[in-house]
Amino acid sequence: MVYCGYEKQTVPGPIVMQYPDYIHWCSWSSRVSLELPFRFEEGEEDRENACATYSENTGGDGGPGTMVMSRVTSVPVDQEEAFIKLAEESSRIPPEAACTRRDTYADGVPALEQELSFVDERVGGPVVRRELFAQIGNLVFSLAALIPRDRAAAQQQELDHTFGSLRFVLIPALERYGRTFCHGGAQVSVHIPTDWDVQEISEQQVRFFGPPSAQHDDYRPTFSVALGKPEGFGDEWLEGFLDQIRANMAESYRNFTIDSLTTISLSSLVEAHVMQYRWEPEPGLAFVQIQALIVVDMFRMYLINAASLEPLAETYLPVFEEILRSLRILGQPPTG
């Protein structure tokens, strides 16, 4: 995953904010989460046909832009390789298209990716259609990009990122496959190491547990995500709220020390205000922890806490950072 805006600051340096190169989009219709370049816009969310489209804003240069579509299709439960069949059927449309195909993975799931070159009369010229097909259970997921051929080379790296960013948004709450975890109550998707366990603490909170350390009485590092409602809104309120949190912790946590303050810009267009700190609940027992606050809007705020024993911090601080940077805000799942 590629993100801009991760600036490590040592106290008391300023918090630095930059915007991401890619924006996260979540489609509950197609059960797909992905990242597109900043200039793409959501076109249509079609629940009836279980698909979503996104269009490139070309800035008025007169030429057609790239179109991206995600879709999910239900198939009979006994058709375990239906995604291969759907890919083959798509490769024959139009019949004169030249097609190349390769095996790959999408979000840890075996997939087929193919590229077709042909002339599209609707676009008014030659195009490249890049497609990916994958299957989980009886659901076949597809992602397609229709690219004017004269833009294909310039956009290859961007679309590599988009296709590589694909995640499948599967609910119920504790549904998990590979390293991706989605939670409908907390409305998030994150990448978690495959040897970590998950526990639902409440309807809007989940906690992940790392592997036990035999050298430290089977201690397990933790990473939790909780969704709540902020008591206020706006920059002034947020600055005061963060200051109050730090003051309270300095007063109540033994040997409390702030290592760094950081702002991370996530592709869901939210800022994670991160504090790395250490403290000692008792002599000889020291923890290094991460606390992150994400205010989405007037109604949603995330509190993220991650903890490691100090001797294990060198191992787990990079893991905490990777999990945090992978976090995507999904929004409220549809009802009915």
Protein backbone atom coordinates (compact mmCIF):
# COMPACT_ATOMS: atom_id res chain seq x y z
CA MET A 1 0.00 0.00 0.00
CA VAL A 2 1.19 3.52 -0.82
CA TYR A 3 0.27 6.47 1.34
CA CYS A 4 1.56 10.02 1.43
CA GLY A 5 1.59 12.08 4.57
CA TYR A 6 3.35 9.96 7.18
CA GLU A 7 5.58 12.46 8.97
CA LYS A 8 7.30 11.33 12.18
CA GLN A 9 7.71 14.23 14.60
CA THR A 10 9.54 14.34 17.90
CA VAL A 11 7.97 16.31 20.68
CA PRO A 12 7.47 19.27 20.67
CA GLY A 13 7.63 19.58 16.89
CA PRO A 14 4.52 20.47 14.88
CA ILE A 15 2.06 17.94 13.52
CA VAL A 16 2.39 17.80 9.73
CA MET A 17 -0.51 16.96 7.42
CA GLN A 18 -0.35 15.97 3.76
CA TYR A 19 -3.02 14.58 1.48
CA PRO A 20 -2.94 11.07 0.02
CA ASP A 21 -2.33 10.32 -3.64
CA TYR A 22 -5.24 7.86 -3.64
CA ILE A 23 -8.76 8.06 -2.26
CA HIS A 24 -10.56 5.10 -0.72
CA TRP A 25 -14.00 4.20 -2.06
CA CYS A 26 -16.28 1.58 -0.54
CA SER A 27 -19.20 0.09 -2.44
CA TRP A 28 -21.69 -1.86 -0.37
CA SER A 29 -23.48 -2.75 -3.62
CA SER A 30 -20.48 -4.60 -5.05
CA ARG A 31 -18.94 -5.48 -1.65
CA VAL A 32 -15.65 -3.98 -2.76
CA SER A 33 -13.28 -1.48 -1.19
CA LEU A 34 -10.55 0.06 -3.34
CA GLU A 35 -8.30 3.09 -3.81
CA LEU A 36 -8.41 5.28 -6.89
CA PRO A 37 -6.28 8.25 -7.96
CA PHE A 38 -7.40 11.57 -6.51
CA ARG A 39 -8.99 12.76 -9.78
CA PHE A 40 -11.54 9.92 -9.95
CA GLU A 41 -15.14 10.51 -8.93
CA GLU A 42 -17.94 8.14 -7.95
CA GLY A 43 -20.32 7.72 -10.86
CA GLU A 44 -23.11 5.39 -9.78
CA GLU A 45 -23.88 2.97 -6.95
CA ASP A 46 -26.31 0.40 -8.38
CA ARG A 47 -27.67 -1.89 -5.65
CA GLU A 48 -30.04 -3.68 -8.02
CA ASN A 49 -27.19 -4.81 -10.29
CA ALA A 50 -24.64 -5.07 -7.45
CA CYS A 51 -22.11 -2.77 -9.07
CA ALA A 52 -20.46 0.62 -8.73
CA THR A 53 -18.77 2.84 -11.31
CA TYR A 54 -16.10 5.51 -11.04
CA SER A 55 -15.04 7.99 -13.71
CA GLU A 56 -11.86 9.94 -14.31
CA ASN A 57 -12.10 13.72 -14.32
CA THR A 58 -9.79 14.64 -17.19
CA GLY A 59 -9.89 18.34 -16.42
CA GLY A 60 -11.66 19.32 -19.61
CA ASP A 61 -8.91 18.23 -22.01
CA GLY A 62 -11.55 17.05 -24.45
CA GLY A 63 -10.66 13.36 -24.43
CA PRO A 64 -12.53 10.50 -22.77
CA GLY A 65 -11.33 9.41 -19.36
CA THR A 66 -10.88 6.01 -17.77
CA MET A 67 -13.92 4.25 -16.30
CA VAL A 68 -13.69 1.74 -13.45
CA MET A 69 -16.45 -0.68 -12.41
CA SER A 70 -16.69 -3.12 -9.50
CA ARG A 71 -19.31 -5.86 -9.39
CA VAL A 72 -20.30 -8.90 -7.35
CA THR A 73 -22.21 -11.83 -8.84
CA SER A 74 -23.88 -14.70 -6.96
CA VAL A 75 -23.32 -18.19 -8.35
CA PRO A 76 -24.46 -21.67 -7.23
CA VAL A 77 -22.56 -22.87 -4.17
CA ASP A 78 -21.12 -25.89 -5.99
CA GLN A 79 -19.39 -23.78 -8.69
CA GLU A 80 -16.01 -23.28 -7.03
CA GLU A 81 -14.29 -22.02 -10.20
CA ALA A 82 -17.08 -19.83 -11.52
CA PHE A 83 -14.73 -16.85 -11.58
CA ILE A 84 -12.65 -18.58 -14.27
CA LYS A 85 -15.74 -19.18 -16.39
CA LEU A 86 -16.88 -15.56 -16.05
CA ALA A 87 -13.41 -14.34 -17.00
CA GLU A 88 -13.44 -16.53 -20.11
CA GLU A 89 -16.91 -15.31 -21.07
CA SER A 90 -15.83 -11.69 -20.67
CA SER A 91 -12.71 -12.26 -22.78
CA ARG A 92 -14.92 -13.13 -25.75
CA ILE A 93 -16.64 -9.70 -25.70
CA PRO A 94 -16.02 -8.27 -28.20
CA PRO A 95 -15.06 -11.36 -30.23
CA GLU A 96 -12.23 -9.61 -32.09
CA ALA A 97 -10.45 -8.46 -28.92
CA ALA A 98 -6.85 -9.52 -28.31
CA CYS A 99 -6.57 -10.96 -24.79
CA THR A 100 -3.70 -11.71 -22.42
CA ARG A 101 -4.31 -13.43 -19.08
CA ARG A 102 -2.38 -14.25 -15.92
CA ASP A 103 -2.97 -15.88 -12.55
CA THR A 104 -2.69 -13.54 -9.58
CA TYR A 105 -4.13 -12.83 -6.14
CA ALA A 106 -6.67 -10.25 -5.02
CA ASP A 107 -6.73 -9.50 -1.29
CA GLY A 108 -5.09 -12.87 -0.66
CA VAL A 109 -7.60 -14.77 -2.80
CA PRO A 110 -6.64 -16.59 -6.06
CA ALA A 111 -7.71 -14.48 -9.03
CA LEU A 112 -7.45 -14.10 -12.78
CA GLU A 113 -6.40 -10.84 -14.39
CA GLN A 114 -6.75 -10.22 -18.09
CA GLU A 115 -6.24 -7.38 -20.54
CA LEU A 116 -8.19 -6.92 -23.77
CA SER A 117 -7.39 -4.53 -26.63
CA PHE A 118 -10.08 -3.53 -29.12
CA VAL A 119 -11.88 -0.60 -30.72
CA ASP A 120 -14.85 0.66 -28.72
CA GLU A 121 -17.31 2.66 -30.80
CA ARG A 122 -18.90 4.13 -27.66
CA VAL A 123 -15.57 5.64 -26.64
CA GLY A 124 -14.74 6.52 -30.21
CA GLY A 125 -11.43 4.74 -30.58
CA PRO A 126 -9.08 2.00 -29.40
CA VAL A 127 -9.24 1.03 -25.73
CA VAL A 128 -7.70 -1.35 -23.23
CA ARG A 129 -9.99 -3.20 -20.84
CA ARG A 130 -8.25 -4.48 -17.75
CA GLU A 131 -10.22 -6.99 -15.68
CA LEU A 132 -9.81 -9.02 -12.52
CA PHE A 133 -11.99 -11.90 -11.30
CA ALA A 134 -11.91 -13.60 -7.89
CA GLN A 135 -14.27 -15.79 -5.89
CA ILE A 136 -15.12 -16.26 -2.21
CA GLY A 137 -17.76 -18.91 -1.58
CA ASN A 138 -20.65 -18.33 -3.96
CA LEU A 139 -19.65 -14.71 -4.69
CA VAL A 140 -17.64 -13.77 -7.77
CA PHE A 141 -16.03 -10.33 -7.59
CA SER A 142 -14.90 -8.46 -10.66
CA LEU A 143 -13.06 -5.20 -11.23
CA ALA A 144 -12.78 -3.67 -14.68
CA ALA A 145 -11.07 -0.55 -16.01
CA LEU A 146 -11.85 0.76 -19.51
CA ILE A 147 -8.88 2.88 -20.56
CA PRO A 148 -8.40 4.90 -23.76
CA ARG A 149 -5.36 3.28 -25.34
CA ASP A 150 -3.44 6.54 -25.53
CA ARG A 151 -3.72 6.80 -21.73
CA ALA A 152 -2.95 3.18 -20.89
CA ALA A 153 0.83 3.42 -20.53
CA ALA A 154 0.70 6.59 -18.41
CA GLN A 155 -1.92 5.10 -16.09
CA GLN A 156 -0.44 1.63 -15.67
CA GLN A 157 1.27 2.34 -12.35
CA GLU A 158 -1.83 4.02 -10.93
CA LEU A 159 -4.08 1.17 -11.98
CA ASP A 160 -1.57 -1.34 -10.61
CA HIS A 161 -2.13 0.36 -7.27
CA THR A 162 -5.92 0.35 -7.67
CA PHE A 163 -6.08 -3.34 -8.56
CA GLY A 164 -3.62 -4.14 -5.77
CA SER A 165 -5.69 -2.16 -3.26
CA LEU A 166 -8.81 -4.26 -3.82
CA ARG A 167 -10.47 -5.61 -0.67
CA PHE A 168 -13.64 -7.62 -0.32
CA VAL A 169 -16.09 -6.18 2.20
CA LEU A 170 -17.65 -9.20 3.85
CA ILE A 171 -19.95 -9.04 6.85
CA PRO A 172 -20.94 -10.64 9.44
CA ALA A 173 -18.80 -8.84 11.94
CA LEU A 174 -16.10 -11.45 12.47
CA GLU A 175 -15.77 -12.60 8.87
CA ARG A 176 -12.11 -12.91 7.97
CA TYR A 177 -10.03 -14.36 5.16
CA GLY A 178 -6.29 -13.92 4.87
CA ARG A 179 -5.12 -10.67 6.44
CA THR A 180 -8.22 -8.56 5.73
CA PHE A 181 -10.74 -7.99 8.51
CA CYS A 182 -14.03 -6.09 8.16
CA HIS A 183 -16.35 -5.10 10.98
CA GLY A 184 -19.82 -3.77 10.27
CA GLY A 185 -20.36 -2.27 13.71
CA ALA A 186 -17.08 -0.38 13.80
CA GLN A 187 -17.43 0.30 10.05
CA VAL A 188 -13.78 -0.40 9.28
CA SER A 189 -11.55 -2.62 7.19
CA VAL A 190 -7.95 -3.30 8.24
CA HIS A 191 -5.07 -5.58 7.38
CA ILE A 192 -4.10 -7.76 10.33
CA PRO A 193 -1.24 -10.29 10.42
CA THR A 194 -2.60 -13.76 9.81
CA ASP A 195 -1.26 -15.08 13.14
CA TRP A 196 -3.24 -12.50 15.13
CA ASP A 197 -6.62 -13.28 16.73
CA VAL A 198 -9.66 -11.03 16.93
CA GLN A 199 -12.26 -10.49 19.62
CA GLU A 200 -15.43 -8.41 19.42
CA ILE A 201 -15.44 -6.33 22.61
CA SER A 202 -18.75 -4.60 21.86
CA GLU A 203 -20.98 -3.79 18.91
CA GLN A 204 -18.63 -0.99 17.85
CA GLN A 205 -15.27 -2.18 19.18
CA VAL A 206 -12.85 -4.93 18.17
CA ARG A 207 -9.49 -5.93 19.60
CA PHE A 208 -6.71 -7.89 17.93
CA PHE A 209 -4.19 -10.03 19.80
CA GLY A 210 -0.70 -10.85 18.57
CA PRO A 211 1.02 -14.18 19.18
CA PRO A 212 2.06 -14.97 22.78
CA SER A 213 5.68 -14.38 23.78
CA ALA A 214 7.08 -17.35 25.69
CA GLN A 215 9.94 -15.19 26.99
CA HIS A 216 7.46 -12.79 28.63
CA ASP A 217 4.89 -15.05 30.34
CA ASP A 218 2.91 -15.48 27.09
CA TYR A 219 2.21 -11.74 26.89
CA ARG A 220 0.30 -10.77 23.72
CA PRO A 221 0.45 -7.31 22.10
CA THR A 222 -2.93 -5.75 21.34
CA PHE A 223 -4.48 -3.37 18.83
CA SER A 224 -8.06 -2.14 19.33
CA VAL A 225 -10.46 -0.02 17.29
CA ALA A 226 -13.49 1.62 18.90
CA LEU A 227 -16.13 3.78 17.22
CA GLY A 228 -17.90 6.48 19.21
CA LYS A 229 -19.42 9.95 18.93
CA PRO A 230 -17.29 13.06 19.52
CA GLU A 231 -18.38 15.54 22.17
CA GLY A 232 -17.52 18.44 19.87
CA PHE A 233 -16.28 19.25 16.39
CA GLY A 234 -13.81 21.54 14.65
CA ASP A 235 -10.09 22.20 14.84
CA GLU A 236 -10.24 24.22 18.05
CA TRP A 237 -12.22 21.56 19.89
CA LEU A 238 -9.95 18.78 18.60
CA GLU A 239 -6.77 20.57 19.66
CA GLY A 240 -8.15 21.12 23.15
CA PHE A 241 -9.40 17.55 23.38
CA LEU A 242 -6.00 16.13 22.44
CA ASP A 243 -4.25 18.41 24.93
CA GLN A 244 -6.64 17.30 27.67
CA ILE A 245 -6.03 13.62 26.93
CA ARG A 246 -2.28 14.10 27.23
CA ALA A 247 -2.62 16.11 30.42
CA ASN A 248 -4.86 13.47 32.01
CA MET A 249 -2.48 10.67 31.08
CA ALA A 250 0.54 12.58 32.37
CA GLU A 251 -1.27 12.97 35.69
CA SER A 252 -2.52 9.40 36.09
CA TYR A 253 0.11 7.24 34.31
CA ARG A 254 3.28 6.45 36.23
CA ASN A 255 6.47 7.70 34.47
CA PHE A 256 4.42 8.81 31.46
CA THR A 257 6.61 10.02 28.56
CA ILE A 258 5.58 11.05 25.05
CA ASP A 259 7.94 9.70 22.39
CA SER A 260 6.33 11.35 19.36
CA LEU A 261 3.26 13.02 17.93
CA THR A 262 2.26 12.18 14.38
CA THR A 263 -0.46 12.94 11.89
CA ILE A 264 -1.23 10.30 9.28
CA SER A 265 -3.41 11.07 6.28
CA LEU A 266 -5.43 7.99 5.35
CA SER A 267 -6.99 7.30 1.96
CA SER A 268 -10.47 7.58 3.51
CA LEU A 269 -9.68 11.34 3.72
CA VAL A 270 -9.42 11.34 7.49
CA GLU A 271 -6.55 12.33 9.75
CA ALA A 272 -5.19 10.00 12.42
CA HIS A 273 -3.66 11.99 15.28
CA VAL A 274 -1.15 9.59 16.77
CA MET A 275 0.70 9.67 20.07
CA GLN A 276 3.43 7.17 20.88
CA TYR A 277 4.17 7.04 24.59
CA ARG A 278 5.58 4.84 27.33
CA TRP A 279 4.74 4.34 30.99
CA GLU A 280 5.28 1.97 33.92
CA PRO A 281 2.25 0.59 35.76
CA GLU A 282 4.74 -0.73 38.33
CA PRO A 283 8.52 -0.70 38.76
CA GLY A 284 10.23 -2.98 36.26
CA LEU A 285 7.16 -3.29 34.02
CA ALA A 286 7.20 -0.83 31.10
CA PHE A 287 4.85 -0.51 28.13
CA VAL A 288 5.17 1.34 24.84
CA GLN A 289 1.78 2.28 23.43
CA ILE A 290 0.13 3.98 20.49
CA GLN A 291 -3.03 6.04 20.80
CA ALA A 292 -4.69 7.39 17.66
CA LEU A 293 -7.74 9.60 17.37
CA ILE A 294 -9.67 9.86 14.09
CA VAL A 295 -12.56 12.31 13.82
CA VAL A 296 -14.63 11.45 10.74
CA ASP A 297 -17.49 13.91 11.17
CA MET A 298 -19.81 15.30 13.85
CA PHE A 299 -21.17 11.82 14.57
CA ARG A 300 -18.21 9.45 14.28
CA MET A 301 -14.86 9.34 16.05
CA TYR A 302 -12.41 6.44 16.33
CA LEU A 303 -10.16 5.74 19.28
CA ILE A 304 -7.34 3.34 18.52
CA ASN A 305 -5.08 1.87 21.16
CA ALA A 306 -2.11 -0.45 20.67
CA ALA A 307 0.13 -1.78 23.41
CA SER A 308 3.40 -3.70 23.63
CA LEU A 309 5.78 -4.57 26.41
CA GLU A 310 8.82 -2.32 26.11
CA PRO A 311 11.21 -5.22 25.32
CA LEU A 312 8.95 -6.18 22.38
CA ALA A 313 8.35 -2.65 21.10
CA GLU A 314 11.01 -2.79 18.40
CA THR A 315 9.17 -5.75 16.90
CA TYR A 316 5.60 -4.53 17.22
CA LEU A 317 5.71 -0.76 16.69
CA PRO A 318 6.18 -1.27 12.91
CA VAL A 319 3.27 -3.74 12.97
CA PHE A 320 1.05 -1.21 14.76
CA GLU A 321 1.96 1.42 12.18
CA GLU A 322 1.20 -0.92 9.28
CA ILE A 323 -2.21 -1.83 10.72
CA LEU A 324 -3.07 1.81 11.33
CA ARG A 325 -2.03 2.89 7.86
CA SER A 326 -4.16 0.10 6.34
CA LEU A 327 -7.32 1.27 8.10
CA ARG A 328 -10.26 2.26 5.87
CA ILE A 329 -13.53 3.82 6.96
CA LEU A 330 -16.34 1.85 5.31
CA GLY A 331 -19.39 3.80 6.40
CA GLN A 332 -22.71 2.44 7.59
CA PRO A 333 -23.71 -0.90 6.01
CA PRO A 334 -27.08 -0.79 4.25
CA THR A 335 -30.11 -2.24 6.00
CA GLY A 336 -32.66 -4.49 4.40
